[in-house]
């Protein structure tokens, strides 16, 4: 068997509108949208510089149906660069770009080979004695086990299985083309190129079963370095290494507060954590979610002056690095002290007790959910499709409203 190298990528999600980020800061979202495109261009440039023998893309090239042909033209341009370098590309459709989802087309260069969607298909590279087996999605929801229908290995060849799948389950990813690692091993292949899960994962070392992760993070649930995998095969020995191509990153800052921490203390803690994020991001634009928890005497101040705190946190992040942006501030604090009755003590009014007795909680939740739904339909197209269109549950919103009421009363506002 000859020696060769190939790149395994997946989950490009070209055309992703970054709705969660766009609803908070359109300018920052624009940087991440551009980073998604640049990540593919960077990967193509690396493939050409490395003179790899071929590329495998295991689904979700596009984030969904195109509004126009711009994203298709961009992908065509990058594939044409590979064509001129003599590098073939083998790809399949995932749940985001299934046949039923992406209705527009652009004719791609003849170096691009797409696996069928109605049955497993095989492509052969004779000079390398490589056989690639795969099947794409017809519908967005693929609930059947596709892997067990893949053909047996071709003896004397290096066999690669290409599949968009959640395997037996990978939270928070929805279950698609479910199968077990034993199902994959039963095919006798030498390498499994998987897609769908956005975090890098070596599921198995023998044979290698790999999720390369996506090329570019799209939300705070997708933190850390993103990219593809460079696979080297020689004398039946398989090695791989990650290729990092992302142009922007998400980061989480988790800060535990103590009652004695002052405002200056808190901002300095966030600044130090932001500097760590910046160092790890190596100068890339960063969208940071700051989570404050623990006990603080400033808890009521946080609730009442939330927007001012948000601006102060953003300012502290900019002191850490010029290109760090606050994606969201989450405050989960308690005073650490025994709660005191609120309201007019002379009138014997206990606001907390009144709130606890005010109506059936289920009815309140239903009213809150109805209000969220009425707001969600007014959000930019597609945002309301998320299970939590406001990125928070009805229960959390009710709790936040309750804490705001208590805080404003206790502070005499």
Protein backbone atom coordinates (compact mmCIF):
# COMPACT_ATOMS: atom_id res chain seq x y z
CA UNK A 1 0.00 0.00 0.00
CA UNK A 2 1.38 3.42 -0.99
CA UNK A 3 1.86 6.30 1.42
CA UNK A 4 -0.51 9.25 1.19
CA UNK A 5 -2.10 12.09 3.13
CA UNK A 6 -5.62 13.45 3.21
CA UNK A 7 -7.62 16.04 5.12
CA UNK A 8 -10.81 15.10 6.93
CA UNK A 9 -13.16 18.03 7.58
CA UNK A 10 -16.83 18.40 8.43
CA UNK A 11 -19.50 20.90 9.47
CA UNK A 12 -18.41 23.97 7.52
CA UNK A 13 -21.88 25.53 7.99
CA UNK A 14 -21.31 28.10 5.26
CA UNK A 15 -24.01 30.74 5.35
CA UNK A 16 -24.65 30.48 9.08
CA UNK A 17 -26.26 33.79 10.10
CA UNK A 18 -24.93 33.60 13.69
CA UNK A 19 -28.41 34.58 14.88
CA UNK A 20 -27.64 34.39 18.60
CA UNK A 21 -24.66 36.71 18.24
CA UNK A 22 -26.37 38.94 15.66
CA UNK A 23 -29.23 39.66 18.07
CA UNK A 24 -26.69 41.08 20.54
CA UNK A 25 -24.12 42.83 18.34
CA UNK A 26 -24.40 42.86 14.55
CA UNK A 27 -20.84 44.13 14.06
CA UNK A 28 -19.33 41.30 16.11
CA UNK A 29 -21.58 38.78 14.35
CA UNK A 30 -20.26 40.05 11.00
CA UNK A 31 -16.71 39.22 12.12
CA UNK A 32 -17.72 35.64 12.97
CA UNK A 33 -19.66 35.21 9.71
CA UNK A 34 -16.57 36.31 7.79
CA UNK A 35 -14.45 33.98 9.94
CA UNK A 36 -16.59 31.03 8.82
CA UNK A 37 -15.72 31.72 5.19
CA UNK A 38 -12.08 32.47 5.97
CA UNK A 39 -11.76 29.16 7.83
CA UNK A 40 -12.52 27.25 4.63
CA UNK A 41 -10.16 29.43 2.59
CA UNK A 42 -7.42 28.80 5.15
CA UNK A 43 -8.05 25.05 5.04
CA UNK A 44 -7.86 25.04 1.23
CA UNK A 45 -4.59 26.99 1.33
CA UNK A 46 -3.12 24.52 3.82
CA UNK A 47 -4.23 21.58 1.68
CA UNK A 48 -2.47 23.08 -1.33
CA UNK A 49 0.68 23.92 0.65
CA UNK A 50 0.79 20.38 2.08
CA UNK A 51 0.04 18.85 -1.34
CA UNK A 52 -2.44 16.41 0.21
CA UNK A 53 -3.77 13.65 -2.03
CA UNK A 54 -7.46 14.32 -1.39
CA UNK A 55 -9.99 15.90 0.99
CA UNK A 56 -13.03 14.36 2.70
CA UNK A 57 -15.91 16.55 3.93
CA UNK A 58 -18.37 14.62 6.11
CA UNK A 59 -21.51 16.73 5.77
CA UNK A 60 -23.08 20.09 6.62
CA UNK A 61 -21.12 22.10 4.11
CA UNK A 62 -23.98 24.60 4.14
CA UNK A 63 -25.93 25.78 7.15
CA UNK A 64 -29.24 25.57 5.28
CA UNK A 65 -30.95 26.64 2.09
CA UNK A 66 -29.34 29.61 0.35
CA UNK A 67 -31.00 33.01 0.17
CA UNK A 68 -29.12 33.48 -3.10
CA UNK A 69 -26.19 31.88 -4.92
CA UNK A 70 -23.43 33.81 -3.14
CA UNK A 71 -22.53 31.03 -0.71
CA UNK A 72 -22.59 28.44 -3.53
CA UNK A 73 -20.31 30.63 -5.63
CA UNK A 74 -17.91 30.98 -2.70
CA UNK A 75 -17.71 27.22 -2.19
CA UNK A 76 -17.22 26.74 -5.94
CA UNK A 77 -14.33 29.23 -5.90
CA UNK A 78 -12.55 27.33 -3.13
CA UNK A 79 -13.12 23.95 -4.81
CA UNK A 80 -11.75 25.39 -8.07
CA UNK A 81 -8.56 26.34 -6.24
CA UNK A 82 -8.21 22.69 -5.25
CA UNK A 83 -8.97 21.57 -8.80
CA UNK A 84 -6.12 23.65 -10.16
CA UNK A 85 -3.85 22.04 -7.56
CA UNK A 86 -4.98 18.54 -8.61
CA UNK A 87 -6.69 17.74 -5.28
CA UNK A 88 -10.00 15.82 -5.43
CA UNK A 89 -12.74 16.35 -2.83
CA UNK A 90 -15.19 13.69 -1.62
CA UNK A 91 -18.22 14.99 0.22
CA UNK A 92 -21.70 14.09 1.37
CA UNK A 93 -24.80 15.86 2.61
CA UNK A 94 -25.68 16.09 6.30
CA UNK A 95 -28.81 17.22 8.10
CA UNK A 96 -28.24 20.94 7.43
CA UNK A 97 -27.65 20.52 3.69
CA UNK A 98 -29.81 17.48 2.95
CA UNK A 99 -31.36 17.23 -0.51
CA UNK A 100 -34.72 18.39 0.86
CA UNK A 101 -33.11 21.39 2.61
CA UNK A 102 -30.79 22.98 0.03
CA UNK A 103 -32.85 23.62 -3.06
CA UNK A 104 -30.46 25.84 -5.03
CA UNK A 105 -27.39 24.58 -6.86
CA UNK A 106 -24.17 25.76 -8.47
CA UNK A 107 -22.28 23.40 -10.77
CA UNK A 108 -19.06 22.44 -9.00
CA UNK A 109 -15.68 21.62 -10.60
CA UNK A 110 -15.06 18.05 -11.75
CA UNK A 111 -12.67 17.38 -8.86
CA UNK A 112 -15.67 17.30 -6.49
CA UNK A 113 -17.39 13.94 -5.96
CA UNK A 114 -20.63 13.67 -3.98
CA UNK A 115 -21.76 10.42 -2.39
CA UNK A 116 -25.30 9.32 -3.30
CA UNK A 117 -28.18 9.86 -0.89
CA UNK A 118 -30.49 6.97 -1.81
CA UNK A 119 -27.92 4.26 -1.05
CA UNK A 120 -24.27 3.87 0.01
CA UNK A 121 -21.77 4.62 -2.75
CA UNK A 122 -18.07 3.98 -3.25
CA UNK A 123 -15.38 6.09 -4.89
CA UNK A 124 -12.00 4.56 -5.73
CA UNK A 125 -8.63 6.22 -6.12
CA UNK A 126 -6.79 3.58 -8.12
CA UNK A 127 -3.28 5.02 -7.91
CA UNK A 128 -3.48 5.01 -4.09
CA UNK A 129 -5.64 1.90 -3.75
CA UNK A 130 -8.08 3.87 -1.60
CA UNK A 131 -11.81 3.13 -1.45
CA UNK A 132 -14.15 5.71 0.09
CA UNK A 133 -17.65 4.62 1.13
CA UNK A 134 -20.46 6.98 2.10
CA UNK A 135 -24.10 8.01 1.95
CA UNK A 136 -25.62 11.47 2.35
CA UNK A 137 -29.00 12.56 3.70
CA UNK A 138 -32.14 12.90 1.61
CA UNK A 139 -34.12 14.45 4.46
CA UNK A 140 -32.97 16.61 7.35
CA UNK A 141 -34.10 13.95 9.80
CA UNK A 142 -32.21 10.70 9.18
CA UNK A 143 -33.32 8.26 11.87
CA UNK A 144 -32.19 5.00 10.29
CA UNK A 145 -28.83 3.31 10.84
CA UNK A 146 -27.01 4.05 7.58
CA UNK A 147 -23.69 2.50 8.63
CA UNK A 148 -24.89 -1.12 8.62
CA UNK A 149 -25.78 -0.75 4.94
CA UNK A 150 -22.26 0.29 3.92
CA UNK A 151 -20.38 -2.30 1.80
CA UNK A 152 -17.72 -4.58 3.21
CA UNK A 153 -14.10 -3.49 2.90
CA UNK A 154 -12.25 -3.94 -0.35
CA UNK A 155 -9.39 -6.32 0.36
CA UNK A 156 -5.90 -4.94 -0.25
CA UNK A 157 -7.19 -1.35 -0.32
CA UNK A 158 -7.30 1.38 2.34
CA UNK A 159 -11.00 1.75 3.16
CA UNK A 160 -12.50 4.99 4.47
CA UNK A 161 -16.06 5.27 5.75
CA UNK A 162 -17.64 8.72 5.51
CA UNK A 163 -20.73 9.32 7.65
CA UNK A 164 -22.70 12.18 9.18
CA UNK A 165 -23.93 10.79 12.48
CA UNK A 166 -24.50 11.31 16.18
CA UNK A 167 -23.44 7.68 16.79
CA UNK A 168 -25.30 6.46 19.88
CA UNK A 169 -25.80 10.01 21.14
CA UNK A 170 -23.73 13.15 21.55
CA UNK A 171 -25.47 15.86 23.59
CA UNK A 172 -26.54 18.51 22.72
CA UNK A 173 -26.54 17.28 19.11
CA UNK A 174 -29.78 15.81 17.78
CA UNK A 175 -29.75 12.08 16.94
CA UNK A 176 -29.03 11.52 13.25
CA UNK A 177 -28.08 8.27 11.49
CA UNK A 178 -27.69 6.56 14.89
CA UNK A 179 -25.25 3.66 15.12
CA UNK A 180 -22.70 2.12 17.45
CA UNK A 181 -18.94 1.93 17.16
CA UNK A 182 -19.33 -1.83 16.76
CA UNK A 183 -21.55 -1.16 13.73
CA UNK A 184 -18.69 0.84 12.24
CA UNK A 185 -16.08 -1.78 13.09
CA UNK A 186 -18.22 -4.46 11.45
CA UNK A 187 -17.47 -2.91 8.05
CA UNK A 188 -13.74 -3.61 8.47
CA UNK A 189 -12.66 -0.14 7.34
CA UNK A 190 -9.30 1.43 8.14
CA UNK A 191 -10.62 4.91 9.01
CA UNK A 192 -14.01 6.44 9.74
CA UNK A 193 -14.42 10.11 8.77
CA UNK A 194 -17.41 11.34 10.78
CA UNK A 195 -19.30 14.62 10.88
CA UNK A 196 -22.13 16.26 12.84
CA UNK A 197 -20.50 16.67 16.29
CA UNK A 198 -18.85 20.09 16.52
CA UNK A 199 -16.20 19.18 19.06
CA UNK A 200 -13.08 17.27 18.08
CA UNK A 201 -13.24 13.71 19.37
CA UNK A 202 -11.29 10.51 18.87
CA UNK A 203 -14.09 8.00 19.34
CA UNK A 204 -11.83 5.02 18.66
CA UNK A 205 -8.14 4.55 17.95
CA UNK A 206 -8.39 1.11 16.33
CA UNK A 207 -9.61 1.76 13.76
CA UNK A 208 -9.52 5.55 13.97
CA UNK A 209 -13.07 6.87 14.29
CA UNK A 210 -12.81 10.65 14.32
CA UNK A 211 -15.04 13.68 14.66
CA UNK A 212 -12.85 16.59 13.45
CA UNK A 213 -15.29 19.19 14.84
CA UNK A 214 -16.42 22.20 12.86
CA UNK A 215 -14.11 24.69 11.16
CA UNK A 216 -15.43 27.70 13.04
CA UNK A 217 -17.29 28.01 16.34
CA UNK A 218 -20.81 29.41 15.98
CA UNK A 219 -21.92 29.93 19.60
CA UNK A 220 -20.64 29.88 23.15
CA UNK A 221 -21.43 26.14 23.21
CA UNK A 222 -18.55 25.73 20.74
CA UNK A 223 -15.51 27.08 22.54
CA UNK A 224 -11.84 26.43 21.87
CA UNK A 225 -9.76 25.78 18.77
CA UNK A 226 -11.58 24.59 15.65
CA UNK A 227 -10.40 22.95 12.45
CA UNK A 228 -9.91 19.70 10.57
CA UNK A 229 -7.67 16.63 10.72
CA UNK A 230 -4.63 15.80 8.60
CA UNK A 231 -4.34 12.01 8.20
CA UNK A 232 -1.09 10.34 7.15
CA UNK A 233 -1.11 6.72 5.97
CA UNK A 234 2.06 4.72 5.42
CA UNK A 235 2.77 0.98 5.55
CA UNK A 236 -0.76 0.40 6.86
CA UNK A 237 0.00 2.72 9.79
CA UNK A 238 -2.40 5.64 10.33
CA UNK A 239 -1.46 8.86 12.11
CA UNK A 240 -3.41 12.08 12.37
CA UNK A 241 -3.02 15.60 13.71
CA UNK A 242 -5.34 18.55 14.01
CA UNK A 243 -5.18 21.52 11.64
CA UNK A 244 -6.53 24.66 13.33
CA UNK A 245 -8.13 27.15 10.92
CA UNK A 246 -10.70 29.15 12.89
CA UNK A 247 -10.51 32.92 12.64
CA UNK A 248 -12.57 33.87 15.72
CA UNK A 249 -13.46 32.13 18.95
CA UNK A 250 -15.95 31.93 21.77
CA UNK A 251 -14.81 31.78 25.36
CA UNK A 252 -16.42 31.37 28.77
CA UNK A 253 -15.29 33.29 31.83
CA UNK A 254 -16.56 31.75 35.09
CA UNK A 255 -15.95 33.89 38.14
CA UNK A 256 -16.86 32.88 41.70
CA UNK A 257 -17.56 35.87 43.95
CA UNK A 258 -17.27 36.24 47.70
CA UNK A 259 -19.31 38.72 49.78
CA UNK A 260 -16.31 40.98 50.38
CA UNK A 261 -15.49 41.48 46.69
CA UNK A 262 -15.97 45.11 45.67
CA UNK A 263 -16.94 46.33 42.20
CA UNK A 264 -13.25 47.02 41.45
CA UNK A 265 -12.33 43.50 42.62
CA UNK A 266 -14.93 41.96 40.33
CA UNK A 267 -13.88 43.96 37.28
CA UNK A 268 -10.22 43.12 37.87
CA UNK A 269 -11.07 39.41 38.14
CA UNK A 270 -12.93 39.56 34.83
CA UNK A 271 -10.07 41.45 33.22
CA UNK A 272 -7.54 38.80 34.29
CA UNK A 273 -9.78 36.03 32.97
CA UNK A 274 -10.27 37.94 29.73
CA UNK A 275 -6.52 38.23 29.32
CA UNK A 276 -6.25 34.44 29.63
CA UNK A 277 -8.89 34.03 26.92
CA UNK A 278 -7.00 36.46 24.70
CA UNK A 279 -3.73 34.58 25.18
CA UNK A 280 -5.39 31.28 24.29
CA UNK A 281 -7.10 32.87 21.29
CA UNK A 282 -3.75 34.12 19.94
CA UNK A 283 -5.10 37.47 18.83
CA UNK A 284 -8.34 36.22 17.25
CA UNK A 285 -11.57 38.16 17.80
CA UNK A 286 -13.31 36.72 20.85
CA UNK A 287 -16.95 36.62 21.93
CA UNK A 288 -16.98 36.02 25.69
CA UNK A 289 -19.77 34.89 27.97
CA UNK A 290 -19.14 36.00 31.56
CA UNK A 291 -20.82 33.95 34.30
CA UNK A 292 -20.78 35.40 37.80
CA UNK A 293 -21.80 33.10 40.64
CA UNK A 294 -21.34 32.77 44.38
CA UNK A 295 -22.22 35.30 47.08
CA UNK A 296 -22.04 39.06 46.79
CA UNK A 297 -23.24 42.02 48.84
CA UNK A 298 -23.74 43.70 45.45
CA UNK A 299 -26.35 41.16 44.34
CA UNK A 300 -29.22 43.66 44.40
CA UNK A 301 -27.05 46.23 42.62
CA UNK A 302 -26.38 43.72 39.83
CA UNK A 303 -30.10 43.12 39.39
CA UNK A 304 -31.15 46.76 39.33
CA UNK A 305 -28.19 48.14 37.35
CA UNK A 306 -27.73 45.25 34.94
CA UNK A 307 -27.02 47.38 31.86
CA UNK A 308 -24.42 49.47 33.69
CA UNK A 309 -22.70 46.30 34.91
CA UNK A 310 -22.76 44.90 31.39
CA UNK A 311 -20.96 48.00 30.10
CA UNK A 312 -18.44 47.86 32.95
CA UNK A 313 -17.72 44.20 32.22
CA UNK A 314 -17.27 45.01 28.52
CA UNK A 315 -14.86 47.79 29.44
CA UNK A 316 -12.83 45.43 31.64
CA UNK A 317 -12.59 42.95 28.76
CA UNK A 318 -11.35 45.69 26.44
CA UNK A 319 -8.67 46.49 28.98
CA UNK A 320 -7.56 42.87 28.57
CA UNK A 321 -7.55 43.00 24.74
CA UNK A 322 -8.95 45.30 22.10
CA UNK A 323 -10.85 42.59 20.24
CA UNK A 324 -12.80 40.91 23.04
CA UNK A 325 -16.55 41.37 23.00
CA UNK A 326 -19.03 40.51 25.72
CA UNK A 327 -21.46 37.99 24.24
CA UNK A 328 -23.59 37.77 27.37
CA UNK A 329 -23.42 38.50 31.08
CA UNK A 330 -24.96 35.81 33.27
CA UNK A 331 -25.45 36.67 36.94
CA UNK A 332 -26.32 33.88 39.37
CA UNK A 333 -25.63 35.45 42.74
CA UNK A 334 -27.02 35.35 46.24
CA UNK A 335 -26.20 37.69 49.12
CA UNK A 336 -25.08 34.83 51.34
CA UNK A 337 -27.20 36.38 54.06
CA UNK A 338 -30.57 35.37 55.45
CA UNK A 339 -33.28 36.95 53.33
CA UNK A 340 -35.08 39.82 55.06
CA UNK A 341 -38.74 40.66 54.63
CA UNK A 342 -39.18 43.36 52.04
CA UNK A 343 -41.68 46.18 51.89
CA UNK A 344 -43.21 48.35 54.59
CA UNK A 345 -42.41 46.78 57.95
CA UNK A 346 -44.95 48.98 59.76
CA UNK A 347 -47.73 47.72 57.54
CA UNK A 348 -46.60 44.15 58.12
CA UNK A 349 -46.11 43.68 54.37
CA UNK A 350 -43.80 40.82 53.36
CA UNK A 351 -43.29 41.11 49.60
CA UNK A 352 -41.49 37.79 49.31
CA UNK A 353 -44.37 36.01 50.99
CA UNK A 354 -46.89 37.78 48.78
CA UNK A 355 -44.98 36.75 45.64
CA UNK A 356 -44.79 33.14 46.83
CA UNK A 357 -48.58 33.14 47.24
CA UNK A 358 -49.40 34.99 44.02
CA UNK A 359 -51.16 32.53 41.77
CA UNK A 360 -50.47 29.09 40.42
CA UNK A 361 -46.86 28.66 39.21
CA UNK A 362 -47.96 26.56 36.24
CA UNK A 363 -50.27 29.33 35.09
CA UNK A 364 -47.46 31.88 35.42
CA UNK A 365 -45.15 29.67 33.35
CA UNK A 366 -47.79 29.27 30.64
CA UNK A 367 -48.27 33.04 30.51
CA UNK A 368 -44.49 33.57 30.31
CA UNK A 369 -44.11 31.00 27.55
CA UNK A 370 -46.93 32.64 25.57
CA UNK A 371 -45.19 36.01 25.92
CA UNK A 372 -41.87 34.51 24.77
CA UNK A 373 -43.62 33.04 21.71
CA UNK A 374 -45.15 36.41 20.83
CA UNK A 375 -41.70 38.01 20.99
CA UNK A 376 -39.94 35.16 19.15
CA UNK A 377 -41.97 35.57 15.97
CA UNK A 378 -40.68 39.13 15.71
CA UNK A 379 -37.03 38.04 15.86
CA UNK A 380 -34.85 37.84 12.71
CA UNK A 381 -35.75 34.94 10.43
CA UNK A 382 -34.80 31.58 11.89
CA UNK A 383 -34.09 32.72 15.43
CA UNK A 384 -37.46 31.53 16.69
CA UNK A 385 -36.70 27.99 15.47
CA UNK A 386 -34.40 27.46 18.43
CA UNK A 387 -35.86 25.67 21.43
CA UNK A 388 -34.95 28.73 23.54
CA UNK A 389 -35.32 31.71 21.18
CA UNK A 390 -34.47 34.20 23.94
CA UNK A 391 -31.60 31.96 25.11
CA UNK A 392 -33.28 31.55 28.49
CA UNK A 393 -36.16 29.49 29.82
CA UNK A 394 -39.48 30.84 31.01
CA UNK A 395 -38.56 29.66 34.52
CA UNK A 396 -35.34 31.69 34.46
CA UNK A 397 -37.15 34.78 33.21
CA UNK A 398 -39.70 34.55 36.02
CA UNK A 399 -36.94 34.15 38.59
CA UNK A 400 -35.09 37.16 37.15
CA UNK A 401 -38.28 39.26 37.29
CA UNK A 402 -38.83 38.22 40.89
CA UNK A 403 -35.29 39.14 41.90
CA UNK A 404 -35.62 42.50 40.15
CA UNK A 405 -38.81 43.22 42.09
CA UNK A 406 -37.17 42.33 45.41
CA UNK A 407 -34.01 44.30 44.64
CA UNK A 408 -35.82 47.46 43.58
CA UNK A 409 -38.01 47.32 46.69
CA UNK A 410 -35.09 46.72 49.07
CA UNK A 411 -33.13 49.57 47.46
CA UNK A 412 -36.13 51.88 47.73
CA UNK A 413 -36.53 52.30 43.95
